Amino acid sequence: MSFQWIFDNAETLSLDNLKVVGTTITRDGTVRSTSRGGQVWRFTVKAPDGPRWSEYRQNIALAQALDRTTTSTVQINDSGYNSWLTVYQGNSVNSTGFQGTWVQGATTLTLTTSPTTSSGYKFKAGDLIQLGSSGKVYQVAANVAYNSNTVTLHRPIIDTTQASATALPVGINVTWTVICTEFPQWTIFARDQVSWSGPFVFYESLV
């Protein structure tokens, strides 16, 4: 059972990994903001209105079985957008073969093995890296030149320190573990079509 079909058939898809921030504004207009940590991935996914209920019925039943209590794994790798939305941007010969080590709490990881590249970048800002096949997903926060092995990430590393080299899924190959926090109501219309009361909202599970 999986929420994957919702991502694969998304009408709109929003990815948010911003920090949780508290902001105050004084009477003279001075703005102060403080990070409260966090930075979990949040996905807002709008399923299209109009598909046949008879075609979606089984998928809806499986998703409802997961409900808002059970985690599921998802990827953003559908052929409709895997060539531009999450595709690897660097200049290495391919997006496989990266290995690295890291320390929990750091905001960088160290590449120990990389596919060959003699110019350009190993990674560009916005690329996605997963720390091992079951690790968390991170966004590259700065370009990584071809002769550099330090990758800056968008948040401190949650995963346990890894002293030996581990394979790093990249781009369309990364996998998130998510839990659905908002499950919209479905409605049947025009006899055999389904519509939704709003978007699905998923949060990265850190458990």
Protein backbone atom coordinates (compact mmCIF):
# COMPACT_ATOMS: atom_id res chain seq x y z
CA MET A 1 0.00 0.00 0.00
CA SER A 2 1.35 3.43 -0.89
CA PHE A 3 0.55 7.07 -1.49
CA GLN A 4 2.76 6.95 -4.57
CA TRP A 5 -0.15 7.10 -7.03
CA ILE A 6 -1.18 10.49 -5.60
CA PHE A 7 2.26 11.90 -6.42
CA ASP A 8 2.36 10.22 -9.84
CA ASN A 9 -1.00 11.71 -10.85
CA ALA A 10 -0.63 15.11 -9.18
CA GLU A 11 -2.33 18.08 -10.78
CA THR A 12 -0.21 20.40 -8.64
CA LEU A 13 2.71 19.58 -6.34
CA SER A 14 4.40 21.83 -3.77
CA LEU A 15 7.62 21.00 -1.88
CA ASP A 16 8.49 22.97 1.24
CA ASN A 17 11.55 22.48 3.44
CA LEU A 18 11.74 25.91 5.08
CA LYS A 19 12.71 26.37 8.70
CA VAL A 20 10.10 26.87 11.40
CA VAL A 21 10.58 30.54 12.30
CA GLY A 22 9.14 32.76 15.01
CA THR A 23 8.87 36.45 14.01
CA THR A 24 8.09 39.53 16.07
CA ILE A 25 7.60 43.13 14.92
CA THR A 26 8.09 45.95 17.41
CA ARG A 27 6.09 49.19 17.38
CA ASP A 28 8.93 51.00 15.60
CA GLY A 29 8.88 48.40 12.81
CA THR A 30 11.93 46.41 13.88
CA VAL A 31 11.62 42.80 12.74
CA ARG A 32 13.23 39.97 14.65
CA SER A 33 13.09 36.34 13.61
CA THR A 34 14.37 33.21 15.31
CA SER A 35 14.65 29.72 13.89
CA ARG A 36 12.90 27.08 15.94
CA GLY A 37 14.65 24.28 14.07
CA GLY A 38 12.80 21.61 12.17
CA GLN A 39 12.98 21.88 8.39
CA VAL A 40 11.11 18.69 7.68
CA TRP A 41 9.88 18.19 4.12
CA ARG A 42 6.24 19.12 3.53
CA PHE A 43 4.37 18.13 0.35
CA THR A 44 1.05 19.60 -0.76
CA VAL A 45 -0.40 17.46 -3.54
CA LYS A 46 -3.61 18.22 -5.44
CA ALA A 47 -5.16 15.20 -7.11
CA PRO A 48 -7.04 16.01 -10.32
CA ASP A 49 -10.82 16.24 -10.41
CA GLY A 50 -12.53 14.17 -13.08
CA PRO A 51 -10.84 10.75 -13.25
CA ARG A 52 -13.18 7.76 -13.22
CA TRP A 53 -14.15 6.51 -9.79
CA SER A 54 -14.05 2.97 -11.18
CA GLU A 55 -10.35 3.47 -12.02
CA TYR A 56 -9.39 5.23 -8.75
CA ARG A 57 -11.53 3.16 -6.39
CA GLN A 58 -8.84 0.64 -5.43
CA ASN A 59 -6.14 3.30 -5.01
CA ILE A 60 -8.42 5.38 -2.78
CA ALA A 61 -9.24 2.36 -0.63
CA LEU A 62 -5.53 1.56 -0.19
CA ALA A 63 -4.75 5.19 0.68
CA GLN A 64 -7.61 5.28 3.19
CA ALA A 65 -6.21 2.14 4.80
CA LEU A 66 -2.99 4.08 5.47
CA ASP A 67 -5.08 7.08 6.58
CA ARG A 68 -3.21 9.65 8.71
CA THR A 69 -1.51 7.19 11.01
CA THR A 70 0.69 4.97 8.84
CA THR A 71 3.86 6.00 7.02
CA SER A 72 4.55 5.20 3.39
CA THR A 73 7.47 5.76 1.03
CA VAL A 74 7.19 8.02 -2.02
CA GLN A 75 9.40 9.21 -4.85
CA ILE A 76 9.10 12.14 -7.24
CA ASN A 77 10.13 10.21 -10.31
CA ASP A 78 7.08 10.01 -12.55
CA SER A 79 7.90 10.27 -16.24
CA GLY A 80 5.75 13.39 -16.46
CA TYR A 81 8.24 15.45 -14.47
CA ASN A 82 11.34 13.42 -13.68
CA SER A 83 13.27 15.09 -16.50
CA TRP A 84 13.05 18.55 -14.93
CA LEU A 85 11.64 18.67 -11.39
CA THR A 86 14.09 16.51 -9.43
CA VAL A 87 16.61 15.50 -12.10
CA TYR A 88 20.33 15.55 -11.20
CA GLN A 89 21.84 18.85 -12.41
CA GLY A 90 25.58 18.20 -12.07
CA ASN A 91 28.13 17.39 -14.75
CA SER A 92 29.23 13.94 -13.57
CA VAL A 93 28.83 11.17 -16.13
CA ASN A 94 25.79 9.89 -14.28
CA SER A 95 23.90 10.34 -11.02
CA THR A 96 24.90 6.97 -9.55
CA GLY A 97 28.17 6.02 -7.94
CA PHE A 98 28.30 8.78 -5.30
CA GLN A 99 29.46 7.63 -1.87
CA GLY A 100 30.11 9.64 1.25
CA THR A 101 30.51 9.96 4.99
CA TRP A 102 28.94 12.39 7.43
CA VAL A 103 28.58 13.41 11.05
CA GLN A 104 25.19 13.81 12.71
CA GLY A 105 24.41 17.48 13.32
CA ALA A 106 26.77 18.78 10.64
CA THR A 107 25.49 20.75 7.65
CA THR A 108 27.97 19.19 5.21
CA LEU A 109 28.85 15.71 4.04
CA THR A 110 32.11 14.47 2.51
CA LEU A 111 32.15 12.63 -0.81
CA THR A 112 34.54 9.69 -0.87
CA THR A 113 33.68 8.42 -4.36
CA SER A 114 32.17 10.30 -7.31
CA PRO A 115 31.40 9.53 -10.96
CA THR A 116 34.04 11.04 -13.22
CA THR A 117 33.89 14.73 -14.05
CA SER A 118 36.80 16.92 -15.12
CA SER A 119 34.95 20.23 -15.21
CA GLY A 120 31.73 21.89 -14.09
CA TYR A 121 30.00 20.70 -10.94
CA LYS A 122 29.45 17.48 -9.02
CA PHE A 123 26.25 18.96 -7.65
CA LYS A 124 24.31 22.17 -8.12
CA ALA A 125 22.12 23.93 -5.58
CA GLY A 126 18.73 22.25 -5.53
CA ASP A 127 19.98 18.73 -6.18
CA LEU A 128 18.62 16.03 -3.88
CA ILE A 129 20.74 13.55 -1.92
CA GLN A 130 19.60 10.69 0.28
CA LEU A 131 21.97 9.43 2.96
CA GLY A 132 21.81 5.73 2.19
CA SER A 133 18.90 3.64 0.96
CA SER A 134 16.91 4.21 4.15
CA GLY A 135 18.29 7.63 5.13
CA LYS A 136 16.73 11.08 5.07
CA VAL A 137 16.65 13.31 1.99
CA TYR A 138 18.58 16.59 1.86
CA GLN A 139 18.74 19.42 -0.64
CA VAL A 140 22.12 20.68 -1.81
CA ALA A 141 22.42 24.30 -0.66
CA ALA A 142 25.44 25.40 -2.73
CA ASN A 143 27.13 24.40 -5.96
CA VAL A 144 29.86 21.76 -5.57
CA ALA A 145 32.73 22.22 -8.03
CA TYR A 146 34.15 19.19 -9.83
CA ASN A 147 37.32 19.30 -7.70
CA SER A 148 35.53 19.59 -4.33
CA ASN A 149 34.28 16.81 -2.06
CA THR A 150 32.32 18.91 0.44
CA VAL A 151 28.55 19.11 -0.04
CA THR A 152 26.60 21.77 1.89
CA LEU A 153 23.08 20.69 2.83
CA HIS A 154 19.91 22.66 3.56
CA ARG A 155 19.64 21.46 7.18
CA PRO A 156 21.73 19.79 9.88
CA ILE A 157 22.13 16.06 9.31
CA ILE A 158 19.58 13.98 11.21
CA ASP A 159 21.01 10.59 10.28
CA THR A 160 23.40 8.76 12.58
CA THR A 161 27.10 9.48 11.97
CA GLN A 162 28.47 7.31 9.16
CA ALA A 163 32.22 6.73 9.35
CA SER A 164 32.47 4.35 6.38
CA ALA A 165 31.45 5.26 2.86
CA THR A 166 27.78 4.78 2.01
CA ALA A 167 26.05 4.91 -1.37
CA LEU A 168 24.04 8.11 -1.88
CA PRO A 169 20.86 7.97 -4.00
CA VAL A 170 20.57 11.20 -5.99
CA GLY A 171 17.88 13.10 -7.90
CA ILE A 172 14.92 11.00 -9.03
CA ASN A 173 16.26 8.03 -7.07
CA VAL A 174 15.71 9.50 -3.58
CA THR A 175 12.88 8.18 -1.41
CA TRP A 176 10.99 9.99 1.34
CA THR A 177 9.11 8.32 4.18
CA VAL A 178 5.98 10.39 4.72
CA ILE A 179 2.79 10.50 6.72
CA CYS A 180 -0.43 12.08 5.47
CA THR A 181 -1.65 14.85 7.80
CA GLU A 182 -4.54 16.12 5.66
CA PHE A 183 -6.66 13.66 3.70
CA PRO A 184 -9.30 15.44 1.57
CA GLN A 185 -12.84 14.17 1.18
CA TRP A 186 -13.65 12.62 -2.17
CA THR A 187 -17.00 13.14 -3.93
CA ILE A 188 -18.59 11.30 -6.83
CA PHE A 189 -20.08 13.48 -9.58
CA ALA A 190 -21.44 12.96 -13.11
CA ARG A 191 -22.03 9.31 -12.21
CA ASP A 192 -18.48 7.90 -12.49
CA GLN A 193 -16.09 10.77 -11.77
CA VAL A 194 -14.30 11.70 -8.56
CA SER A 195 -13.38 15.13 -7.18
CA TRP A 196 -11.53 16.24 -4.06
CA SER A 197 -12.33 18.80 -1.37
CA GLY A 198 -8.72 20.00 -1.25
CA PRO A 199 -5.12 18.85 -1.47
CA PHE A 200 -3.38 16.00 0.31
CA VAL A 201 -0.70 17.21 2.74
CA PHE A 202 2.24 14.98 3.64
CA TYR A 203 5.06 15.52 6.11
CA GLU A 204 8.38 13.73 6.18
CA SER A 205 8.39 11.17 8.98
CA LEU A 206 11.41 11.47 11.28
CA VAL A 207 10.50 8.41 13.36
